[in-house]
Every structure is written in C-alpha cells, then in structure tokens.
Amino acid sequence: MTKLALQTQTQEIIPWAKAHDTPSDGTKQALIMLDKHDFALVLWKTVSYYPEYQGVTVGFETQDVERKTTAILRILGQSSEPVGARIISHKLKGQGIKLSERAVRYHLKLMDERGFTESVGRDGRLITQLGREELESALVSDKVGFVASRIELLAYQTGFDLDKHQGKVPVNISFFPERQFKKAIEAMKGAFQAGICVSELVAVARQGEKLGEIIVPQGKIGLATVCSIIVNGALLKAGVPMDSKFGGILQLKNHKPLRFVELIQYSGSSLDPSVIYITSRMTSVGQVAKEGQGRILANFREIPAICQPVAQKVVAGLKAANLNGLLMMGEVSKPLCEVPVEVNKVGMILTGGLNPVAAAVESGIEVENRAMSAIMEYKDLIKFWEL
C-alpha cells in the first residue's frame, strides 16, 4: 500500500490517497479524498490523470468524474474569456452538480495535465482545442435523447407574444468562412424566396460578436435562422402539448409534400438529424426552390386531436409575425406523408429551419452548424433581404 500527498496549485495539501495492489480481475482501485465533502472511488482505465508515483499510475476515470469534467469543459467552451473556479462552481450548482471551489480547482489542475485546459494566472482557465475535441466526444450515452430534451428546453424558453410580436424565439446558428459569405447569401436566396424555411427573419454577427450566447469564432461570420421549435414554444404557451417525433428528409413533387424518405427519432439520437442530413449531402433544397421537386429538411410532430382548433389559431398568429413553421397538418389518427400517427392524435410537418443553409452546402460552401443552439429577441432579427 502506497500513501501519496496530492497538491493543488495553491499548495494546499489535499489529504492522502490509498493505492491498493492489483486485484484478481486486473483492475486497480484508489480512494481519493478531496476534502471532507468531496471524494470519489476511482477505477483505473486506459487514461490517467496523475503521473506515476513510485511505480503506481493513479487514474481518475469514473463516469461520475468524467461527467463533471465534461460539465466544466462545457462552461469553459461557452466563454471567450478565462473563467475561475468560483464562477464554475456557481454555474455547476445550476446544473445540479455540487462541487466546492477547492474541488473545482482540483479538477482544473487535472484537466491542465491532460491538455484540456490552460491556466492564464489568476483570471482562471481557457479551454484548449484538445478540450473542445474531448467535449464533442465524451459521454455519448448521456447524449442519447439529448436532442429531444433540447427541444423541450427551448420550447419552454420561447417567450414569443403572438399579439405584441415580441419576445424570445429559438434559432439555429451557422458559421460561414468570411470569404464565402457573399456566395452563401446568393445560394440561400432561392430557399428564402420559395418559403423553404421557418422565417425570412435572420441575424448576422462577425467574429467575436454574439448570436444569443454563442460567440462567433475567428475568421467566421455567424448566421442565425429561426428554428421550427418556435411552433413547439408557441403551442406550449397556449396549453397545447406537442410530441416531437422525428427529424427527416421530406420528398416534394410539384411543390407539394409527397412522403418522408428518411427519419431519425429524436429520443434515440445524440446529434440533431438536420445536421446529419446536411453533412451527408442528402438534401436538394436548391432544386426544390427552382423546380418544386426534390428533398428538404422537415420535422414530424404530433398533438392531441382535441387541441387542433387551438393549434390552427396559434399557427395563424405565428404566420402573421412572419414565422411560418407549419408545412402541413394532417387528420385525426391518419398517416401523414406515409408516417403513422397515434390514435386521437394529429400529425404536423414543420419546415426545417436549416433548409437555406442546406442549399448553401449543396453549392459547395463550408458551413459549421449548431442546430437549436440559442434564444434571441424577435426585435433583433432582420429580414434576409436586408443583408
């Protein structure tokens, strides 16, 4: 048995850790005491946080710890400035994670050693490129169903007033290389003209500026497009529950919806279906805009049949505010575009908010998409044609 002392950057001695001999199953275990409130039972895996100490490699790789690490990285990733342990601890509490400032500093020290973060003195930490890559890859099991929960969260945060035409609306954020933005605008014109979008209202920001809480990276121009979740949010405020089922590829013929040719269930996906379809070049939005036939991004929802009159009224109110998310509403308990509908439910097809961006990608433009990523004030949006 080996005893070792672990130190923080402030030179405080954190109590001891016990490293036991290797059990019969080949694993190693250790009990790390951070302070009287924080401790974790650690199972060795392939990656270690600690350097070798007297021939013993100390690891820190339980799922609970990885989840905390990911949460800290997410906080750092959302800031363009260094963030200190006190702020991180406060924000973690808002996510239901209780870590003292001392424990946060300890995690940050270990993350520095792994190259996920870098210290900038008393100002705090910044996330590194390696940290961003880890954030995208970590805890995939936790991400399953993330899209469905994200839809619910943004619907709740939507605060658009149908009468006053003001309040918060959900948006997708897309980043274009500065040198290609003018070309992208030309490529997207057809989709906006044909109405293959949720709204012609957009917002634009250059590097270092914000769209919602999202900061535009260096060398990029950010474009915010209204997300179809605006319909979810408006219906929720009207007391109408909406079940978000699928994100799909909808085939059109003679300017009318024909059938869904691809579907991804929100509750079983760790990625937004629209981003998957765009990246895989599965759309033909440009062709639909010109000829009225092809494949576009669309979303499938269901509402209780008894709520249909209220839903129709809400959709009309959204349309008056230039928020045209509904593409098609079905009949009670009847399939819609070959997608089955539950008993006493009505199917609804919503236009994908990223369709104009899909048209830009089809023309060979590089785009980084963050679907369902922010909330913005309605008054801060401008018409696409003003660009």
Protein backbone atom coordinates (compact mmCIF):
# COMPACT_ATOMS: atom_id res chain seq x y z
CA MET A 1 0.00 0.00 0.00
CA THR A 2 1.35 3.41 -1.02
CA LYS A 3 0.41 6.74 0.52
CA LEU A 4 0.74 9.87 -1.55
CA ALA A 5 0.02 13.53 -0.96
CA LEU A 6 -1.76 15.46 -3.71
CA GLN A 7 -1.29 19.22 -4.00
CA THR A 8 -3.41 21.95 -5.58
CA GLN A 9 -1.98 24.98 -7.32
CA THR A 10 -2.41 26.94 -4.10
CA GLN A 11 -0.07 24.42 -2.40
CA GLU A 12 -2.82 23.21 -0.09
CA ILE A 13 -2.19 19.61 0.87
CA ILE A 14 -5.21 17.55 -0.02
CA PRO A 15 -5.39 14.51 2.29
CA TRP A 16 -3.99 11.16 1.30
CA ALA A 17 -4.87 8.65 -1.36
CA LYS A 18 -4.58 4.91 -0.96
CA ALA A 19 -3.42 2.85 -3.90
CA HIS A 20 -4.14 -0.84 -3.42
CA ASP A 21 -2.48 -3.81 -5.01
CA THR A 22 -3.95 -5.07 -8.25
CA PRO A 23 -6.98 -7.33 -7.58
CA SER A 24 -7.52 -10.65 -9.32
CA ASP A 25 -9.63 -9.04 -12.05
CA GLY A 26 -6.67 -6.94 -13.20
CA THR A 27 -8.08 -3.54 -12.15
CA LYS A 28 -6.61 -1.12 -9.65
CA GLN A 29 -8.57 0.95 -7.16
CA ALA A 30 -7.91 4.07 -5.14
CA LEU A 31 -9.83 6.31 -2.74
CA ILE A 32 -9.07 9.97 -3.40
CA MET A 33 -10.04 12.37 -0.58
CA LEU A 34 -10.51 15.89 -1.95
CA ASP A 35 -11.88 17.35 1.27
CA LYS A 36 -14.47 16.36 3.86
CA HIS A 37 -17.28 16.96 1.34
CA ASP A 38 -15.83 15.54 -1.87
CA PHE A 39 -14.49 12.07 -2.54
CA ALA A 40 -14.65 9.53 -5.35
CA LEU A 41 -13.95 5.82 -5.69
CA VAL A 42 -11.72 5.52 -8.73
CA LEU A 43 -11.40 2.62 -11.16
CA TRP A 44 -8.32 2.55 -13.38
CA LYS A 45 -8.98 2.51 -17.10
CA THR A 46 -6.80 3.46 -20.04
CA VAL A 47 -6.32 7.19 -19.37
CA SER A 48 -4.77 8.52 -16.18
CA TYR A 49 -4.99 11.99 -14.68
CA TYR A 50 -1.95 11.61 -12.42
CA PRO A 51 1.70 10.95 -13.23
CA GLU A 52 3.40 7.80 -12.00
CA TYR A 53 4.25 7.81 -8.32
CA GLN A 54 6.61 5.11 -7.04
CA GLY A 55 5.58 2.82 -9.87
CA VAL A 56 1.84 3.36 -9.35
CA THR A 57 -0.17 5.19 -12.02
CA VAL A 58 -3.14 6.91 -10.40
CA GLY A 59 -6.22 7.27 -12.57
CA PHE A 60 -9.45 9.23 -12.23
CA GLU A 61 -11.82 7.86 -14.82
CA THR A 62 -15.21 7.03 -13.29
CA GLN A 63 -18.26 8.09 -15.27
CA ASP A 64 -19.28 10.48 -12.50
CA VAL A 65 -15.93 12.26 -12.67
CA GLU A 66 -16.00 12.30 -16.46
CA ARG A 67 -19.45 13.86 -16.32
CA LYS A 68 -18.13 16.62 -14.03
CA THR A 69 -15.15 17.16 -16.30
CA THR A 70 -17.47 17.46 -19.30
CA ALA A 71 -19.68 19.93 -17.44
CA ILE A 72 -16.66 22.11 -16.62
CA LEU A 73 -15.43 21.94 -20.22
CA ARG A 74 -18.88 22.96 -21.43
CA ILE A 75 -18.83 26.04 -19.19
CA LEU A 76 -15.36 27.00 -20.43
CA GLY A 77 -16.37 26.32 -24.03
CA GLN A 78 -19.20 28.83 -23.82
CA SER A 79 -16.90 31.66 -22.75
CA SER A 80 -14.38 33.62 -24.80
CA GLU A 81 -12.68 34.83 -21.62
CA PRO A 82 -10.93 32.95 -18.79
CA VAL A 83 -13.26 31.54 -16.12
CA GLY A 84 -12.28 30.97 -12.50
CA ALA A 85 -13.19 28.23 -10.04
CA ARG A 86 -15.72 30.36 -8.16
CA ILE A 87 -17.79 31.09 -11.27
CA ILE A 88 -17.52 27.48 -12.44
CA SER A 89 -18.68 26.20 -9.05
CA HIS A 90 -21.68 28.56 -9.13
CA LYS A 91 -22.67 27.53 -12.66
CA LEU A 92 -22.29 23.84 -11.84
CA LYS A 93 -24.80 24.26 -9.00
CA GLY A 94 -27.31 25.46 -11.59
CA GLN A 95 -26.81 22.12 -13.36
CA GLY A 96 -27.33 20.10 -10.19
CA ILE A 97 -23.59 19.39 -9.72
CA LYS A 98 -22.26 20.32 -6.29
CA LEU A 99 -18.52 20.95 -6.33
CA SER A 100 -16.76 23.31 -3.94
CA GLU A 101 -14.32 25.88 -5.32
CA ARG A 102 -11.50 23.79 -3.94
CA ALA A 103 -12.76 20.69 -5.72
CA VAL A 104 -13.21 22.64 -8.96
CA ARG A 105 -9.60 23.86 -8.74
CA TYR A 106 -8.53 20.28 -8.26
CA HIS A 107 -10.42 19.13 -11.36
CA LEU A 108 -8.96 22.02 -13.33
CA LYS A 109 -5.43 21.06 -12.32
CA LEU A 110 -6.01 17.53 -13.58
CA MET A 111 -7.56 18.87 -16.79
CA ASP A 112 -4.47 21.06 -17.30
CA GLU A 113 -2.33 17.92 -17.12
CA ARG A 114 -4.46 16.25 -19.79
CA GLY A 115 -4.22 19.30 -22.04
CA PHE A 116 -7.95 20.06 -21.92
CA THR A 117 -7.47 23.48 -20.28
CA GLU A 118 -4.76 26.08 -19.85
CA SER A 119 -4.18 28.43 -16.96
CA VAL A 120 -3.97 32.18 -17.50
CA GLY A 121 -2.99 33.05 -13.95
CA ARG A 122 -5.49 34.48 -11.52
CA ASP A 123 -8.02 35.11 -14.31
CA GLY A 124 -8.84 31.41 -14.50
CA ARG A 125 -8.80 28.85 -17.30
CA LEU A 126 -9.42 28.68 -21.03
CA ILE A 127 -10.47 25.55 -22.91
CA THR A 128 -7.93 24.23 -25.45
CA GLN A 129 -8.58 22.70 -28.85
CA LEU A 130 -7.99 19.27 -27.32
CA GLY A 131 -10.56 20.15 -24.68
CA ARG A 132 -13.11 21.05 -27.35
CA GLU A 133 -12.49 17.74 -29.08
CA GLU A 134 -12.98 15.92 -25.78
CA LEU A 135 -16.21 17.84 -25.17
CA GLU A 136 -17.58 16.68 -28.51
CA SER A 137 -16.65 13.04 -27.89
CA ALA A 138 -17.27 12.45 -24.17
CA LEU A 139 -20.16 10.50 -22.64
CA VAL A 140 -22.04 9.53 -25.77
CA SER A 141 -24.51 7.53 -23.65
CA ASP A 142 -25.54 10.78 -21.96
CA LYS A 143 -26.13 12.38 -25.35
CA VAL A 144 -28.73 9.81 -26.46
CA GLY A 145 -32.02 11.65 -26.22
CA PHE A 146 -30.18 14.97 -25.92
CA VAL A 147 -31.96 16.35 -28.99
CA ALA A 148 -35.41 15.57 -27.58
CA SER A 149 -34.59 17.20 -24.25
CA ARG A 150 -33.08 20.20 -26.05
CA ILE A 151 -36.32 20.68 -27.98
CA GLU A 152 -38.30 20.66 -24.74
CA LEU A 153 -35.92 23.13 -23.10
CA LEU A 154 -36.01 25.62 -26.00
CA ALA A 155 -39.79 25.32 -26.26
CA TYR A 156 -40.04 26.27 -22.59
CA GLN A 157 -37.60 29.19 -23.04
CA THR A 158 -39.51 30.52 -26.05
CA GLY A 159 -41.42 33.58 -24.91
CA PHE A 160 -42.90 34.99 -28.11
CA ASP A 161 -46.07 37.06 -27.69
CA LEU A 162 -48.42 36.45 -30.62
CA ASP A 163 -50.29 39.73 -30.07
CA LYS A 164 -47.39 42.10 -29.40
CA HIS A 165 -44.93 40.37 -31.77
CA GLN A 166 -42.14 40.48 -29.22
CA GLY A 167 -40.21 38.09 -27.02
CA LYS A 168 -37.65 35.35 -27.38
CA VAL A 169 -37.50 32.92 -30.30
CA PRO A 170 -35.29 29.82 -30.79
CA VAL A 171 -32.65 29.93 -33.51
CA ASN A 172 -30.08 27.75 -35.26
CA ILE A 173 -26.56 29.16 -35.62
CA SER A 174 -24.42 28.57 -38.72
CA PHE A 175 -20.81 29.70 -39.18
CA PHE A 176 -19.54 30.58 -42.67
CA PRO A 177 -15.97 31.45 -43.70
CA GLU A 178 -15.83 35.22 -44.23
CA ARG A 179 -14.55 34.79 -47.77
CA GLN A 180 -17.56 32.66 -48.74
CA PHE A 181 -20.39 34.54 -47.05
CA LYS A 182 -21.45 36.56 -50.10
CA LYS A 183 -21.56 33.38 -52.14
CA ALA A 184 -23.60 31.75 -49.38
CA ILE A 185 -26.15 34.56 -49.47
CA GLU A 186 -26.63 34.02 -53.20
CA ALA A 187 -27.01 30.27 -52.69
CA MET A 188 -29.64 30.76 -49.96
CA LYS A 189 -31.78 33.29 -51.83
CA GLY A 190 -33.82 30.67 -53.65
CA ALA A 191 -34.79 28.84 -50.46
CA PHE A 192 -35.95 32.06 -48.79
CA GLN A 193 -37.88 33.15 -51.90
CA ALA A 194 -39.62 29.77 -52.15
CA GLY A 195 -40.50 29.81 -48.45
CA ILE A 196 -38.49 26.66 -47.72
CA CYS A 197 -37.68 27.95 -44.25
CA VAL A 198 -39.35 28.76 -40.96
CA SER A 199 -38.95 32.50 -41.45
CA GLU A 200 -37.14 35.02 -43.62
CA LEU A 201 -36.00 36.70 -40.40
CA VAL A 202 -32.31 36.21 -39.60
CA ALA A 203 -29.45 37.75 -37.62
CA VAL A 204 -25.80 38.14 -38.59
CA ALA A 205 -22.67 38.63 -36.45
CA ARG A 206 -18.95 38.79 -37.20
CA GLN A 207 -16.05 37.24 -35.32
CA GLY A 208 -16.04 37.99 -31.61
CA GLU A 209 -19.69 39.11 -31.63
CA LYS A 210 -22.55 37.13 -30.13
CA LEU A 211 -25.68 35.48 -31.51
CA GLY A 212 -27.64 34.76 -28.37
CA GLU A 213 -24.95 33.38 -26.08
CA ILE A 214 -22.90 31.92 -28.92
CA ILE A 215 -19.67 33.73 -29.81
CA VAL A 216 -18.67 33.79 -33.48
CA PRO A 217 -15.21 32.18 -33.95
CA GLN A 218 -12.30 33.94 -35.59
CA GLY A 219 -12.48 34.14 -39.38
CA LYS A 220 -16.18 33.30 -39.44
CA ILE A 221 -19.50 35.05 -39.95
CA GLY A 222 -22.44 33.74 -37.97
CA LEU A 223 -25.98 33.48 -39.31
CA ALA A 224 -28.98 32.83 -37.07
CA THR A 225 -32.07 31.28 -38.68
CA VAL A 226 -35.37 30.77 -36.86
CA CYS A 227 -35.85 27.19 -35.65
CA SER A 228 -39.07 25.21 -36.08
CA ILE A 229 -39.20 24.87 -32.28
CA ILE A 230 -40.93 28.26 -32.36
CA VAL A 231 -44.09 26.26 -33.10
CA ASN A 232 -43.49 24.00 -30.09
CA GLY A 233 -42.95 27.02 -27.86
CA ALA A 234 -46.00 28.95 -29.07
CA LEU A 235 -48.24 25.89 -28.66
CA LEU A 236 -46.82 25.20 -25.20
CA LYS A 237 -47.69 28.75 -24.12
CA ALA A 238 -51.23 28.16 -25.45
CA GLY A 239 -51.56 24.97 -23.40
CA VAL A 240 -51.13 22.57 -26.32
CA PRO A 241 -48.66 19.70 -25.69
CA MET A 242 -46.60 18.70 -28.71
CA ASP A 243 -44.77 15.42 -29.13
CA SER A 244 -41.61 15.85 -31.21
CA LYS A 245 -41.17 12.55 -33.05
CA PHE A 246 -38.73 12.68 -35.95
CA GLY A 247 -36.37 14.79 -37.95
CA GLY A 248 -36.48 13.72 -41.56
CA ILE A 249 -35.96 14.20 -45.27
CA LEU A 250 -39.23 15.09 -46.99
CA GLN A 251 -39.68 14.49 -50.70
CA LEU A 252 -41.65 17.12 -52.62
CA LYS A 253 -43.30 16.82 -56.02
CA ASN A 254 -44.95 19.71 -57.85
CA HIS A 255 -44.25 21.93 -54.82
CA LYS A 256 -46.26 19.63 -52.52
CA PRO A 257 -45.15 17.19 -49.82
CA LEU A 258 -45.16 13.61 -51.09
CA ARG A 259 -43.52 11.38 -48.47
CA PHE A 260 -40.74 11.10 -45.93
CA VAL A 261 -37.79 9.15 -47.32
CA GLU A 262 -35.60 9.29 -44.18
CA LEU A 263 -36.44 9.58 -40.47
CA ILE A 264 -34.36 9.82 -37.28
CA GLN A 265 -36.14 9.60 -33.94
CA TYR A 266 -35.17 12.46 -31.64
CA SER A 267 -35.29 10.34 -28.48
CA GLY A 268 -32.70 7.90 -29.87
CA SER A 269 -30.17 10.32 -31.32
CA SER A 270 -27.17 12.13 -29.88
CA LEU A 271 -26.97 14.50 -32.87
CA ASP A 272 -29.51 16.79 -34.47
CA PRO A 273 -30.95 14.98 -37.53
CA SER A 274 -30.82 18.13 -39.69
CA VAL A 275 -27.06 18.47 -39.13
CA ILE A 276 -26.59 14.80 -40.04
CA TYR A 277 -28.57 15.18 -43.27
CA ILE A 278 -26.79 18.38 -44.29
CA THR A 279 -23.34 16.97 -43.61
CA SER A 280 -24.22 13.81 -45.56
CA ARG A 281 -25.42 15.89 -48.55
CA MET A 282 -28.84 14.22 -48.52
CA THR A 283 -30.86 17.31 -49.45
CA SER A 284 -31.69 19.02 -52.75
CA VAL A 285 -33.15 22.28 -51.45
CA GLY A 286 -31.76 24.27 -54.38
CA GLN A 287 -33.58 22.00 -56.82
CA VAL A 288 -36.82 22.29 -54.87
CA ALA A 289 -36.55 26.09 -54.95
CA LYS A 290 -36.12 26.08 -58.74
CA GLU A 291 -38.28 23.15 -59.88
CA GLY A 292 -40.64 22.36 -57.00
CA GLN A 293 -39.37 18.83 -56.57
CA GLY A 294 -36.60 17.27 -54.55
CA ARG A 295 -35.76 16.70 -50.89
CA ILE A 296 -35.80 19.13 -47.98
CA LEU A 297 -35.37 19.07 -44.21
CA ALA A 298 -38.61 18.63 -42.27
CA ASN A 299 -39.74 17.65 -38.77
CA PHE A 300 -42.63 15.45 -37.70
CA ARG A 301 -44.71 16.32 -34.63
CA GLU A 302 -47.97 15.16 -33.06
CA ILE A 303 -50.59 16.98 -30.98
CA PRO A 304 -53.79 15.72 -29.28
CA ALA A 305 -56.72 15.84 -31.70
CA ILE A 306 -58.79 17.87 -29.25
CA CYS A 307 -56.21 20.66 -29.44
CA GLN A 308 -56.30 21.03 -33.22
CA PRO A 309 -58.51 24.19 -33.32
CA VAL A 310 -56.23 25.96 -30.83
CA ALA A 311 -53.15 24.84 -32.77
CA GLN A 312 -54.56 26.25 -36.00
CA LYS A 313 -55.18 29.60 -34.31
CA VAL A 314 -51.64 29.69 -32.91
CA VAL A 315 -50.12 28.83 -36.29
CA ALA A 316 -52.12 31.66 -37.89
CA GLY A 317 -50.76 34.05 -35.26
CA LEU A 318 -47.20 32.94 -35.97
CA LYS A 319 -47.71 33.40 -39.70
CA ALA A 320 -48.84 36.99 -39.11
CA ALA A 321 -45.48 37.58 -37.40
CA ASN A 322 -43.57 36.14 -40.38
CA LEU A 323 -42.92 32.84 -38.58
CA ASN A 324 -44.23 30.20 -40.99
CA GLY A 325 -43.10 26.94 -39.43
CA LEU A 326 -46.05 24.72 -40.39
CA LEU A 327 -45.83 22.95 -43.73
CA MET A 328 -48.74 20.55 -43.37
CA MET A 329 -51.30 19.39 -40.78
CA GLY A 330 -52.99 16.01 -41.08
CA GLU A 331 -56.26 14.44 -39.99
CA VAL A 332 -57.10 12.68 -36.73
CA SER A 333 -55.34 9.30 -36.38
CA LYS A 334 -54.44 9.21 -40.09
CA PRO A 335 -50.93 8.78 -41.51
CA LEU A 336 -49.26 11.90 -42.86
CA CYS A 337 -46.77 11.60 -45.73
CA GLU A 338 -46.57 7.86 -45.02
CA VAL A 339 -45.74 8.32 -41.34
CA PRO A 340 -48.19 6.59 -38.94
CA VAL A 341 -49.98 8.77 -36.37
CA GLU A 342 -51.11 7.60 -32.93
CA VAL A 343 -54.80 7.20 -32.09
CA ASN A 344 -56.54 10.51 -31.26
CA LYS A 345 -53.50 12.44 -32.42
CA VAL A 346 -52.94 14.78 -35.36
CA GLY A 347 -49.68 14.78 -37.32
CA MET A 348 -47.88 18.01 -38.18
CA ILE A 349 -44.96 18.55 -40.56
CA LEU A 350 -42.74 21.53 -39.80
CA THR A 351 -40.25 23.02 -42.22
CA GLY A 352 -36.60 22.63 -41.23
CA GLY A 353 -35.08 25.95 -40.21
CA LEU A 354 -31.71 25.00 -41.72
CA ASN A 355 -33.02 24.46 -45.26
CA PRO A 356 -31.45 27.68 -46.62
CA VAL A 357 -28.12 26.65 -45.08
CA ALA A 358 -28.50 23.22 -46.68
CA ALA A 359 -28.80 24.98 -50.05
CA ALA A 360 -25.50 26.76 -49.36
CA VAL A 361 -23.80 23.46 -48.53
CA GLU A 362 -25.18 21.95 -51.74
CA SER A 363 -23.35 24.68 -53.66
CA GLY A 364 -20.02 23.66 -52.11
CA ILE A 365 -19.77 26.17 -49.25
CA GLU A 366 -18.20 25.14 -45.95
CA VAL A 367 -20.61 25.53 -43.03
CA GLU A 368 -20.46 24.64 -39.35
CA ASN A 369 -23.97 24.22 -37.94
CA ARG A 370 -25.20 24.37 -34.36
CA ALA A 371 -28.86 23.48 -34.58
CA MET A 372 -31.25 24.51 -31.81
CA SER A 373 -28.41 26.34 -30.11
CA ALA A 374 -29.72 29.69 -28.88
CA ILE A 375 -32.58 32.00 -27.95
CA MET A 376 -32.77 35.52 -29.40
CA GLU A 377 -35.06 38.51 -29.12
CA TYR A 378 -37.52 38.78 -32.00
CA LYS A 379 -36.75 42.51 -32.34
CA ASP A 380 -33.07 41.74 -33.02
CA LEU A 381 -33.88 39.80 -36.18
CA ILE A 382 -33.90 41.38 -39.64
CA LYS A 383 -35.25 40.23 -42.98
CA PHE A 384 -32.84 38.18 -45.07
CA TRP A 385 -33.20 40.65 -47.93
CA GLU A 386 -31.64 43.42 -45.82
CA LEU A 387 -28.31 41.56 -45.96
